[in-house]
Amino acid sequence: MTKKKYRRYSPEFKRHALRRASEDGVTDREVCKDLGVSERQLRRWRDQFRLVGDEAFPGVNISRDEELNDLRKRLAKAEQERDFLRDAAVFFAKESK
């Protein structure tokens, strides 16, 4: 059994799809066929937008620089933890001999 890969859509793409679907004379089916998304997915996006409004799709307000800095900090912390665990493993391996 293979693991299904889910496609991630940007917040801009989701908003674009919702704008197109709300145009007069355009059906959800047409929009979904053009964009390659399921009607169920479009309904989920619409429901989420109705519930939360402009904050429906996270990531819109975070700039790439802020996100990159956050990821760098998280990577540095993970590397420190890895190095600590590596040193601890070496220490305990020597102790057990």
PDB file of N, CA and C in Angstrom:
ATOM      1  N   MET A   1       0.837  -1.176   0.000  1.00  0.00           N
ATOM      2  CA  MET A   1       0.000   0.000   0.000  1.00  0.00           C
ATOM      3  C   MET A   1       0.884   1.243   0.000  1.00  0.00           C
ATOM      4  N   THR A   2       0.659   2.140  -0.938  1.00  0.00           N
ATOM      5  CA  THR A   2       1.473   3.334  -1.025  1.00  0.00           C
ATOM      6  C   THR A   2       0.807   4.500  -0.302  1.00  0.00           C
ATOM      7  N   LYS A   3       1.627   5.346   0.217  1.00  0.00           N
ATOM      8  CA  LYS A   3       1.125   6.506   0.941  1.00  0.00           C
ATOM      9  C   LYS A   3       0.708   7.578  -0.065  1.00  0.00           C
ATOM     10  N   LYS A   4      -0.503   8.104   0.101  1.00  0.00           N
ATOM     11  CA  LYS A   4      -1.002   9.117  -0.805  1.00  0.00           C
ATOM     12  C   LYS A   4      -0.324  10.447  -0.502  1.00  0.00           C
ATOM     13  N   LYS A   5       0.167  11.102  -1.544  1.00  0.00           N
ATOM     14  CA  LYS A   5       0.801  12.396  -1.372  1.00  0.00           C
ATOM     15  C   LYS A   5      -0.255  13.475  -1.560  1.00  0.00           C
ATOM     16  N   TYR A   6      -0.357  14.324  -0.561  1.00  0.00           N
ATOM     17  CA  TYR A   6      -1.310  15.409  -0.617  1.00  0.00           C
ATOM     18  C   TYR A   6      -0.637  16.647  -1.179  1.00  0.00           C
ATOM     19  N   ARG A   7      -1.371  17.345  -1.998  1.00  0.00           N
ATOM     20  CA  ARG A   7      -0.849  18.556  -2.592  1.00  0.00           C
ATOM     21  C   ARG A   7      -1.203  19.730  -1.694  1.00  0.00           C
ATOM     22  N   ARG A   8      -0.269  20.609  -1.482  1.00  0.00           N
ATOM     23  CA  ARG A   8      -0.512  21.799  -0.670  1.00  0.00           C
ATOM     24  C   ARG A   8      -0.702  22.985  -1.601  1.00  0.00           C
ATOM     25  N   TYR A   9      -1.677  23.775  -1.278  1.00  0.00           N
ATOM     26  CA  TYR A   9      -1.976  24.947  -2.083  1.00  0.00           C
ATOM     27  C   TYR A   9      -1.668  26.203  -1.278  1.00  0.00           C
ATOM     28  N   SER A  10      -1.146  27.194  -1.950  1.00  0.00           N
ATOM     29  CA  SER A  10      -0.815  28.448  -1.274  1.00  0.00           C
ATOM     30  C   SER A  10      -2.095  29.195  -0.919  1.00  0.00           C
ATOM     31  N   PRO A  11      -2.007  30.054   0.081  1.00  0.00           N
ATOM     32  CA  PRO A  11      -3.176  30.871   0.433  1.00  0.00           C
ATOM     33  C   PRO A  11      -3.668  31.708  -0.746  1.00  0.00           C
ATOM     34  N   GLU A  12      -2.737  32.190  -1.565  1.00  0.00           N
ATOM     35  CA  GLU A  12      -3.122  32.989  -2.727  1.00  0.00           C
ATOM     36  C   GLU A  12      -3.932  32.152  -3.711  1.00  0.00           C
ATOM     37  N   PHE A  13      -3.518  30.905  -3.917  1.00  0.00           N
ATOM     38  CA  PHE A  13      -4.229  30.014  -4.821  1.00  0.00           C
ATOM     39  C   PHE A  13      -5.652  29.776  -4.319  1.00  0.00           C
ATOM     40  N   LYS A  14      -5.794  29.550  -3.015  1.00  0.00           N
ATOM     41  CA  LYS A  14      -7.110  29.299  -2.433  1.00  0.00           C
ATOM     42  C   LYS A  14      -8.018  30.508  -2.595  1.00  0.00           C
ATOM     43  N   ARG A  15      -7.473  31.694  -2.339  1.00  0.00           N
ATOM     44  CA  ARG A  15      -8.272  32.913  -2.488  1.00  0.00           C
ATOM     45  C   ARG A  15      -8.665  33.133  -3.944  1.00  0.00           C
ATOM     46  N   HIS A  16      -7.739  32.845  -4.849  1.00  0.00           N
ATOM     47  CA  HIS A  16      -8.025  32.968  -6.282  1.00  0.00           C
ATOM     48  C   HIS A  16      -9.161  32.024  -6.679  1.00  0.00           C
ATOM     49  N   ALA A  17      -9.108  30.803  -6.198  1.00  0.00           N
ATOM     50  CA  ALA A  17     -10.158  29.832  -6.514  1.00  0.00           C
ATOM     51  C   ALA A  17     -11.510  30.298  -5.988  1.00  0.00           C
ATOM     52  N   LEU A  18     -11.528  30.816  -4.770  1.00  0.00           N
ATOM     53  CA  LEU A  18     -12.781  31.298  -4.190  1.00  0.00           C
ATOM     54  C   LEU A  18     -13.321  32.516  -4.935  1.00  0.00           C
ATOM     55  N   ARG A  19     -12.427  33.411  -5.372  1.00  0.00           N
ATOM     56  CA  ARG A  19     -12.860  34.567  -6.150  1.00  0.00           C
ATOM     57  C   ARG A  19     -13.488  34.134  -7.468  1.00  0.00           C
ATOM     58  N   ARG A  20     -12.822  33.200  -8.151  1.00  0.00           N
ATOM     59  CA  ARG A  20     -13.350  32.715  -9.430  1.00  0.00           C
ATOM     60  C   ARG A  20     -14.683  32.021  -9.251  1.00  0.00           C
ATOM     61  N   ALA A  21     -14.821  31.250  -8.182  1.00  0.00           N
ATOM     62  CA  ALA A  21     -16.064  30.515  -7.942  1.00  0.00           C
ATOM     63  C   ALA A  21     -17.215  31.458  -7.592  1.00  0.00           C
ATOM     64  N   SER A  22     -16.901  32.652  -7.099  1.00  0.00           N
ATOM     65  CA  SER A  22     -17.960  33.585  -6.719  1.00  0.00           C
ATOM     66  C   SER A  22     -18.392  34.494  -7.867  1.00  0.00           C
ATOM     67  N   GLU A  23     -17.737  34.401  -9.011  1.00  0.00           N
ATOM     68  CA  GLU A  23     -18.114  35.211 -10.169  1.00  0.00           C
ATOM     69  C   GLU A  23     -19.457  34.753 -10.720  1.00  0.00           C
ATOM     70  N   ASP A  24     -20.186  35.700 -11.298  1.00  0.00           N
ATOM     71  CA  ASP A  24     -21.479  35.369 -11.903  1.00  0.00           C
ATOM     72  C   ASP A  24     -21.282  34.490 -13.136  1.00  0.00           C
ATOM     73  N   GLY A  25     -22.123  33.491 -13.262  1.00  0.00           N
ATOM     74  CA  GLY A  25     -22.096  32.617 -14.433  1.00  0.00           C
ATOM     75  C   GLY A  25     -21.029  31.546 -14.405  1.00  0.00           C
ATOM     76  N   VAL A  26     -20.297  31.438 -13.315  1.00  0.00           N
ATOM     77  CA  VAL A  26     -19.239  30.438 -13.204  1.00  0.00           C
ATOM     78  C   VAL A  26     -19.649  29.433 -12.136  1.00  0.00           C
ATOM     79  N   THR A  27     -19.596  28.163 -12.472  1.00  0.00           N
ATOM     80  CA  THR A  27     -19.961  27.127 -11.508  1.00  0.00           C
ATOM     81  C   THR A  27     -18.717  26.618 -10.789  1.00  0.00           C
ATOM     82  N   ASP A  28     -18.958  26.036  -9.636  1.00  0.00           N
ATOM     83  CA  ASP A  28     -17.852  25.430  -8.879  1.00  0.00           C
ATOM     84  C   ASP A  28     -17.177  24.345  -9.700  1.00  0.00           C
ATOM     85  N   ARG A  29     -17.964  23.584 -10.406  1.00  0.00           N
ATOM     86  CA  ARG A  29     -17.425  22.483 -11.206  1.00  0.00           C
ATOM     87  C   ARG A  29     -16.437  22.994 -12.247  1.00  0.00           C
ATOM     88  N   GLU A  30     -16.778  24.104 -12.901  1.00  0.00           N
ATOM     89  CA  GLU A  30     -15.884  24.673 -13.919  1.00  0.00           C
ATOM     90  C   GLU A  30     -14.565  25.136 -13.301  1.00  0.00           C
ATOM     91  N   VAL A  31     -14.678  25.808 -12.177  1.00  0.00           N
ATOM     92  CA  VAL A  31     -13.477  26.310 -11.491  1.00  0.00           C
ATOM     93  C   VAL A  31     -12.586  25.143 -11.070  1.00  0.00           C
ATOM     94  N   CYS A  32     -13.202  24.132 -10.495  1.00  0.00           N
ATOM     95  CA  CYS A  32     -12.429  22.974 -10.030  1.00  0.00           C
ATOM     96  C   CYS A  32     -11.754  22.253 -11.178  1.00  0.00           C
ATOM     97  N   LYS A  33     -12.455  22.129 -12.268  1.00  0.00           N
ATOM     98  CA  LYS A  33     -11.870  21.456 -13.434  1.00  0.00           C
ATOM     99  C   LYS A  33     -10.697  22.268 -13.981  1.00  0.00           C
ATOM    100  N   ASP A  34     -10.861  23.594 -14.048  1.00  0.00           N
ATOM    101  CA  ASP A  34      -9.786  24.449 -14.564  1.00  0.00           C
ATOM    102  C   ASP A  34      -8.557  24.444 -13.671  1.00  0.00           C
ATOM    103  N   LEU A  35      -8.782  24.432 -12.364  1.00  0.00           N
ATOM    104  CA  LEU A  35      -7.671  24.533 -11.417  1.00  0.00           C
ATOM    105  C   LEU A  35      -7.131  23.188 -10.951  1.00  0.00           C
ATOM    106  N   GLY A  36      -7.864  22.122 -11.226  1.00  0.00           N
ATOM    107  CA  GLY A  36      -7.391  20.803 -10.836  1.00  0.00           C
ATOM    108  C   GLY A  36      -7.583  20.469  -9.372  1.00  0.00           C
ATOM    109  N   VAL A  37      -8.648  20.982  -8.781  1.00  0.00           N
ATOM    110  CA  VAL A  37      -8.971  20.655  -7.389  1.00  0.00           C
ATOM    111  C   VAL A  37     -10.352  20.016  -7.350  1.00  0.00           C
ATOM    112  N   SER A  38     -10.637  19.312  -6.269  1.00  0.00           N
ATOM    113  CA  SER A  38     -11.940  18.670  -6.160  1.00  0.00           C
ATOM    114  C   SER A  38     -12.972  19.679  -5.649  1.00  0.00           C
ATOM    115  N   GLU A  39     -14.217  19.393  -5.969  1.00  0.00           N
ATOM    116  CA  GLU A  39     -15.289  20.265  -5.499  1.00  0.00           C
ATOM    117  C   GLU A  39     -15.375  20.227  -3.980  1.00  0.00           C
ATOM    118  N   ARG A  40     -15.090  19.087  -3.410  1.00  0.00           N
ATOM    119  CA  ARG A  40     -15.107  18.953  -1.950  1.00  0.00           C
ATOM    120  C   ARG A  40     -14.063  19.871  -1.318  1.00  0.00           C
ATOM    121  N   GLN A  41     -12.883  19.922  -1.929  1.00  0.00           N
ATOM    122  CA  GLN A  41     -11.822  20.785  -1.405  1.00  0.00           C
ATOM    123  C   GLN A  41     -12.233  22.251  -1.499  1.00  0.00           C
ATOM    124  N   LEU A  42     -12.836  22.632  -2.604  1.00  0.00           N
ATOM    125  CA  LEU A  42     -13.288  24.010  -2.761  1.00  0.00           C
ATOM    126  C   LEU A  42     -14.343  24.359  -1.715  1.00  0.00           C
ATOM    127  N   ARG A  43     -15.235  23.435  -1.411  1.00  0.00           N
ATOM    128  CA  ARG A  43     -16.241  23.667  -0.377  1.00  0.00           C
ATOM    129  C   ARG A  43     -15.593  23.847   0.992  1.00  0.00           C
ATOM    130  N   ARG A  44     -14.565  23.046   1.268  1.00  0.00           N
ATOM    131  CA  ARG A  44     -13.853  23.188   2.542  1.00  0.00           C
ATOM    132  C   ARG A  44     -13.228  24.566   2.667  1.00  0.00           C
ATOM    133  N   TRP A  45     -12.584  25.017   1.583  1.00  0.00           N
ATOM    134  CA  TRP A  45     -11.964  26.336   1.605  1.00  0.00           C
ATOM    135  C   TRP A  45     -13.015  27.420   1.817  1.00  0.00           C
ATOM    136  N   ARG A  46     -14.154  27.275   1.151  1.00  0.00           N
ATOM    137  CA  ARG A  46     -15.229  28.258   1.278  1.00  0.00           C
ATOM    138  C   ARG A  46     -15.755  28.278   2.714  1.00  0.00           C
ATOM    139  N   ASP A  47     -15.962  27.104   3.290  1.00  0.00           N
ATOM    140  CA  ASP A  47     -16.450  27.030   4.668  1.00  0.00           C
ATOM    141  C   ASP A  47     -15.450  27.649   5.640  1.00  0.00           C
ATOM    142  N   GLN A  48     -14.185  27.345   5.430  1.00  0.00           N
ATOM    143  CA  GLN A  48     -13.146  27.892   6.300  1.00  0.00           C
ATOM    144  C   GLN A  48     -13.109  29.415   6.180  1.00  0.00           C
ATOM    145  N   PHE A  49     -13.237  29.928   4.970  1.00  0.00           N
ATOM    146  CA  PHE A  49     -13.219  31.374   4.756  1.00  0.00           C
ATOM    147  C   PHE A  49     -14.432  32.034   5.401  1.00  0.00           C
ATOM    148  N   ARG A  50     -15.589  31.386   5.323  1.00  0.00           N
ATOM    149  CA  ARG A  50     -16.796  31.940   5.942  1.00  0.00           C
ATOM    150  C   ARG A  50     -16.683  31.978   7.457  1.00  0.00           C
ATOM    151  N   LEU A  51     -16.075  30.965   8.035  1.00  0.00           N
ATOM    152  CA  LEU A  51     -15.947  30.904   9.495  1.00  0.00           C
ATOM    153  C   LEU A  51     -14.921  31.892  10.045  1.00  0.00           C
ATOM    154  N   VAL A  52     -13.774  31.960   9.404  1.00  0.00           N
ATOM    155  CA  VAL A  52     -12.660  32.721   9.968  1.00  0.00           C
ATOM    156  C   VAL A  52     -12.446  34.060   9.266  1.00  0.00           C
ATOM    157  N   GLY A  53     -12.859  34.181   8.041  1.00  0.00           N
ATOM    158  CA  GLY A  53     -12.676  35.433   7.308  1.00  0.00           C
ATOM    159  C   GLY A  53     -11.292  35.541   6.703  1.00  0.00           C
ATOM    160  N   ASP A  54     -10.717  36.737   6.765  1.00  0.00           N
ATOM    161  CA  ASP A  54      -9.417  36.984   6.130  1.00  0.00           C
ATOM    162  C   ASP A  54      -8.274  36.192   6.752  1.00  0.00           C
ATOM    163  N   GLU A  55      -8.459  35.703   7.960  1.00  0.00           N
ATOM    164  CA  GLU A  55      -7.412  34.924   8.621  1.00  0.00           C
ATOM    165  C   GLU A  55      -7.574  33.422   8.373  1.00  0.00           C
ATOM    166  N   ALA A  56      -8.381  33.078   7.373  1.00  0.00           N
ATOM    167  CA  ALA A  56      -8.717  31.678   7.122  1.00  0.00           C
ATOM    168  C   ALA A  56      -7.517  30.844   6.713  1.00  0.00           C
ATOM    169  N   PHE A  57      -6.633  31.399   5.945  1.00  0.00           N
ATOM    170  CA  PHE A  57      -5.510  30.619   5.425  1.00  0.00           C
ATOM    171  C   PHE A  57      -4.220  31.164   6.008  1.00  0.00           C
ATOM    172  N   PRO A  58      -3.677  30.489   7.016  1.00  0.00           N
ATOM    173  CA  PRO A  58      -2.475  30.991   7.675  1.00  0.00           C
ATOM    174  C   PRO A  58      -1.294  31.060   6.712  1.00  0.00           C
ATOM    175  N   GLY A  59      -0.379  31.907   7.050  1.00  0.00           N
ATOM    176  CA  GLY A  59       0.813  32.045   6.217  1.00  0.00           C
ATOM    177  C   GLY A  59       0.761  33.273   5.330  1.00  0.00           C
ATOM    178  N   VAL A  60      -0.374  33.910   5.239  1.00  0.00           N
ATOM    179  CA  VAL A  60      -0.511  35.071   4.369  1.00  0.00           C
ATOM    180  C   VAL A  60       0.262  36.253   4.924  1.00  0.00           C
ATOM    181  N   ASN A  61       0.208  36.465   6.216  1.00  0.00           N
ATOM    182  CA  ASN A  61       0.809  37.641   6.825  1.00  0.00           C
ATOM    183  C   ASN A  61       2.271  37.463   7.201  1.00  0.00           C
ATOM    184  N   ILE A  62       2.795  36.266   7.083  1.00  0.00           N
ATOM    185  CA  ILE A  62       4.188  36.007   7.443  1.00  0.00           C
ATOM    186  C   ILE A  62       5.052  36.214   6.201  1.00  0.00           C
ATOM    187  N   SER A  63       6.017  37.100   6.316  1.00  0.00           N
ATOM    188  CA  SER A  63       6.900  37.328   5.176  1.00  0.00           C
ATOM    189  C   SER A  63       7.885  36.159   5.059  1.00  0.00           C
ATOM    190  N   ARG A  64       8.424  36.010   3.886  1.00  0.00           N
ATOM    191  CA  ARG A  64       9.387  34.928   3.656  1.00  0.00           C
ATOM    192  C   ARG A  64      10.615  35.081   4.539  1.00  0.00           C
ATOM    193  N   ASP A  65      11.052  36.307   4.760  1.00  0.00           N
ATOM    194  CA  ASP A  65      12.226  36.540   5.599  1.00  0.00           C
ATOM    195  C   ASP A  65      11.971  36.107   7.035  1.00  0.00           C
ATOM    196  N   GLU A  66      10.786  36.446   7.563  1.00  0.00           N
ATOM    197  CA  GLU A  66      10.457  36.045   8.929  1.00  0.00           C
ATOM    198  C   GLU A  66      10.380  34.526   9.035  1.00  0.00           C
ATOM    199  N   GLU A  67       9.769  33.909   8.044  1.00  0.00           N
ATOM    200  CA  GLU A  67       9.651  32.457   8.052  1.00  0.00           C
ATOM    201  C   GLU A  67      11.027  31.811   7.957  1.00  0.00           C
ATOM    202  N   LEU A  68      11.886  32.365   7.101  1.00  0.00           N
ATOM    203  CA  LEU A  68      13.240  31.828   6.938  1.00  0.00           C
ATOM    204  C   LEU A  68      14.036  31.958   8.232  1.00  0.00           C
ATOM    205  N   ASN A  69      13.922  33.099   8.898  1.00  0.00           N
ATOM    206  CA  ASN A  69      14.623  33.288  10.174  1.00  0.00           C
ATOM    207  C   ASN A  69      14.121  32.306  11.222  1.00  0.00           C
ATOM    208  N   ASP A  70      12.819  32.103  11.274  1.00  0.00           N
ATOM    209  CA  ASP A  70      12.251  31.145  12.227  1.00  0.00           C
ATOM    210  C   ASP A  70      12.764  29.736  11.947  1.00  0.00           C
ATOM    211  N   LEU A  71      12.795  29.359  10.685  1.00  0.00           N
ATOM    212  CA  LEU A  71      13.279  28.025  10.327  1.00  0.00           C
ATOM    213  C   LEU A  71      14.762  27.854  10.647  1.00  0.00           C
ATOM    214  N   ARG A  72      15.533  28.905  10.452  1.00  0.00           N
ATOM    215  CA  ARG A  72      16.963  28.839  10.785  1.00  0.00           C
ATOM    216  C   ARG A  72      17.169  28.642  12.286  1.00  0.00           C
ATOM    217  N   LYS A  73      16.381  29.370  13.104  1.00  0.00           N
ATOM    218  CA  LYS A  73      16.479  29.215  14.555  1.00  0.00           C
ATOM    219  C   LYS A  73      16.115  27.800  14.974  1.00  0.00           C
ATOM    220  N   ARG A  74      15.054  27.263  14.388  1.00  0.00           N
ATOM    221  CA  ARG A  74      14.624  25.909  14.728  1.00  0.00           C
ATOM    222  C   ARG A  74      15.671  24.884  14.303  1.00  0.00           C
ATOM    223  N   LEU A  75      16.305  25.108  13.153  1.00  0.00           N
ATOM    224  CA  LEU A  75      17.355  24.201  12.693  1.00  0.00           C
ATOM    225  C   LEU A  75      18.556  24.234  13.631  1.00  0.00           C
ATOM    226  N   ALA A  76      18.939  25.429  14.040  1.00  0.00           N
ATOM    227  CA  ALA A  76      20.082  25.554  14.953  1.00  0.00           C
ATOM    228  C   ALA A  76      19.804  24.835  16.271  1.00  0.00           C
ATOM    229  N   LYS A  77      18.589  24.973  16.782  1.00  0.00           N
ATOM    230  CA  LYS A  77      18.234  24.288  18.022  1.00  0.00           C
ATOM    231  C   LYS A  77      18.266  22.776  17.837  1.00  0.00           C
ATOM    232  N   ALA A  78      17.733  22.299  16.718  1.00  0.00           N
ATOM    233  CA  ALA A  78      17.728  20.856  16.443  1.00  0.00           C
ATOM    234  C   ALA A  78      19.151  20.322  16.310  1.00  0.00           C
ATOM    235  N   GLU A  79      20.034  21.112  15.695  1.00  0.00           N
ATOM    236  CA  GLU A  79      21.428  20.687  15.567  1.00  0.00           C
ATOM    237  C   GLU A  79      22.110  20.624  16.931  1.00  0.00           C
ATOM    238  N   GLN A  80      21.834  21.578  17.816  1.00  0.00           N
ATOM    239  CA  GLN A  80      22.400  21.550  19.168  1.00  0.00           C
ATOM    240  C   GLN A  80      21.921  20.313  19.919  1.00  0.00           C
ATOM    241  N   GLU A  81      20.646  20.017  19.810  1.00  0.00           N
ATOM    242  CA  GLU A  81      20.105  18.831  20.483  1.00  0.00           C
ATOM    243  C   GLU A  81      20.736  17.561  19.928  1.00  0.00           C
ATOM    244  N   ARG A  82      20.899  17.507  18.612  1.00  0.00           N
ATOM    245  CA  ARG A  82      21.529  16.337  17.994  1.00  0.00           C
ATOM    246  C   ARG A  82      22.947  16.156  18.506  1.00  0.00           C
ATOM    247  N   ASP A  83      23.723  17.248  18.541  1.00  0.00           N
ATOM    248  CA  ASP A  83      25.104  17.171  19.003  1.00  0.00           C
ATOM    249  C   ASP A  83      25.177  16.739  20.466  1.00  0.00           C
ATOM    250  N   PHE A  84      24.275  17.265  21.293  1.00  0.00           N
ATOM    251  CA  PHE A  84      24.245  16.876  22.701  1.00  0.00           C
ATOM    252  C   PHE A  84      23.962  15.389  22.840  1.00  0.00           C
ATOM    253  N   LEU A  85      22.981  14.891  22.093  1.00  0.00           N
ATOM    254  CA  LEU A  85      22.649  13.469  22.176  1.00  0.00           C
ATOM    255  C   LEU A  85      23.783  12.592  21.657  1.00  0.00           C
ATOM    256  N   ARG A  86      24.476  13.056  20.648  1.00  0.00           N
ATOM    257  CA  ARG A  86      25.625  12.305  20.124  1.00  0.00           C
ATOM    258  C   ARG A  86      26.715  12.220  21.184  1.00  0.00           C
ATOM    259  N   ASP A  87      27.000  13.342  21.838  1.00  0.00           N
ATOM    260  CA  ASP A  87      28.027  13.349  22.891  1.00  0.00           C
ATOM    261  C   ASP A  87      27.612  12.472  24.067  1.00  0.00           C
ATOM    262  N   ALA A  88      26.341  12.522  24.424  1.00  0.00           N
ATOM    263  CA  ALA A  88      25.849  11.700  25.533  1.00  0.00           C
ATOM    264  C   ALA A  88      25.977  10.215  25.191  1.00  0.00           C
ATOM    265  N   ALA A  89      25.677   9.850  23.943  1.00  0.00           N
ATOM    266  CA  ALA A  89      25.783   8.450  23.536  1.00  0.00           C
ATOM    267  C   ALA A  89      27.227   7.972  23.620  1.00  0.00           C
ATOM    268  N   VAL A  90      28.172   8.821  23.216  1.00  0.00           N
ATOM    269  CA  VAL A  90      29.588   8.465  23.296  1.00  0.00           C
ATOM    270  C   VAL A  90      30.006   8.318  24.757  1.00  0.00           C
ATOM    271  N   PHE A  91      29.576   9.239  25.607  1.00  0.00           N
ATOM    272  CA  PHE A  91      29.910   9.190  27.023  1.00  0.00           C
ATOM    273  C   PHE A  91      29.406   7.902  27.661  1.00  0.00           C
ATOM    274  N   PHE A  92      28.152   7.561  27.435  1.00  0.00           N
ATOM    275  CA  PHE A  92      27.592   6.377  28.057  1.00  0.00           C
ATOM    276  C   PHE A  92      28.142   5.086  27.450  1.00  0.00           C
ATOM    277  N   ALA A  93      28.566   5.129  26.204  1.00  0.00           N
ATOM    278  CA  ALA A  93      29.187   3.962  25.608  1.00  0.00           C
ATOM    279  C   ALA A  93      30.527   3.688  26.273  1.00  0.00           C
ATOM    280  N   LYS A  94      31.279   4.741  26.612  1.00  0.00           N
ATOM    281  CA  LYS A  94      32.560   4.581  27.293  1.00  0.00           C
ATOM    282  C   LYS A  94      32.357   4.091  28.727  1.00  0.00           C
ATOM    283  N   GLU A  95      31.327   4.583  29.391  1.00  0.00           N
ATOM    284  CA  GLU A  95      31.025   4.200  30.769  1.00  0.00           C
ATOM    285  C   GLU A  95      30.631   2.735  30.886  1.00  0.00           C
ATOM    286  N   SER A  96      29.978   2.213  29.880  1.00  0.00           N
ATOM    287  CA  SER A  96      29.484   0.845  29.974  1.00  0.00           C
ATOM    288  C   SER A  96      30.568  -0.206  29.728  1.00  0.00           C
ATOM    289  N   LYS A  97      31.732   0.222  29.274  1.00  0.00           N
ATOM    290  CA  LYS A  97      32.825  -0.734  29.003  1.00  0.00           C
ATOM    291  C   LYS A  97      33.551  -1.127  30.234  1.00  0.00           C
TER     292      LYS A  97
END
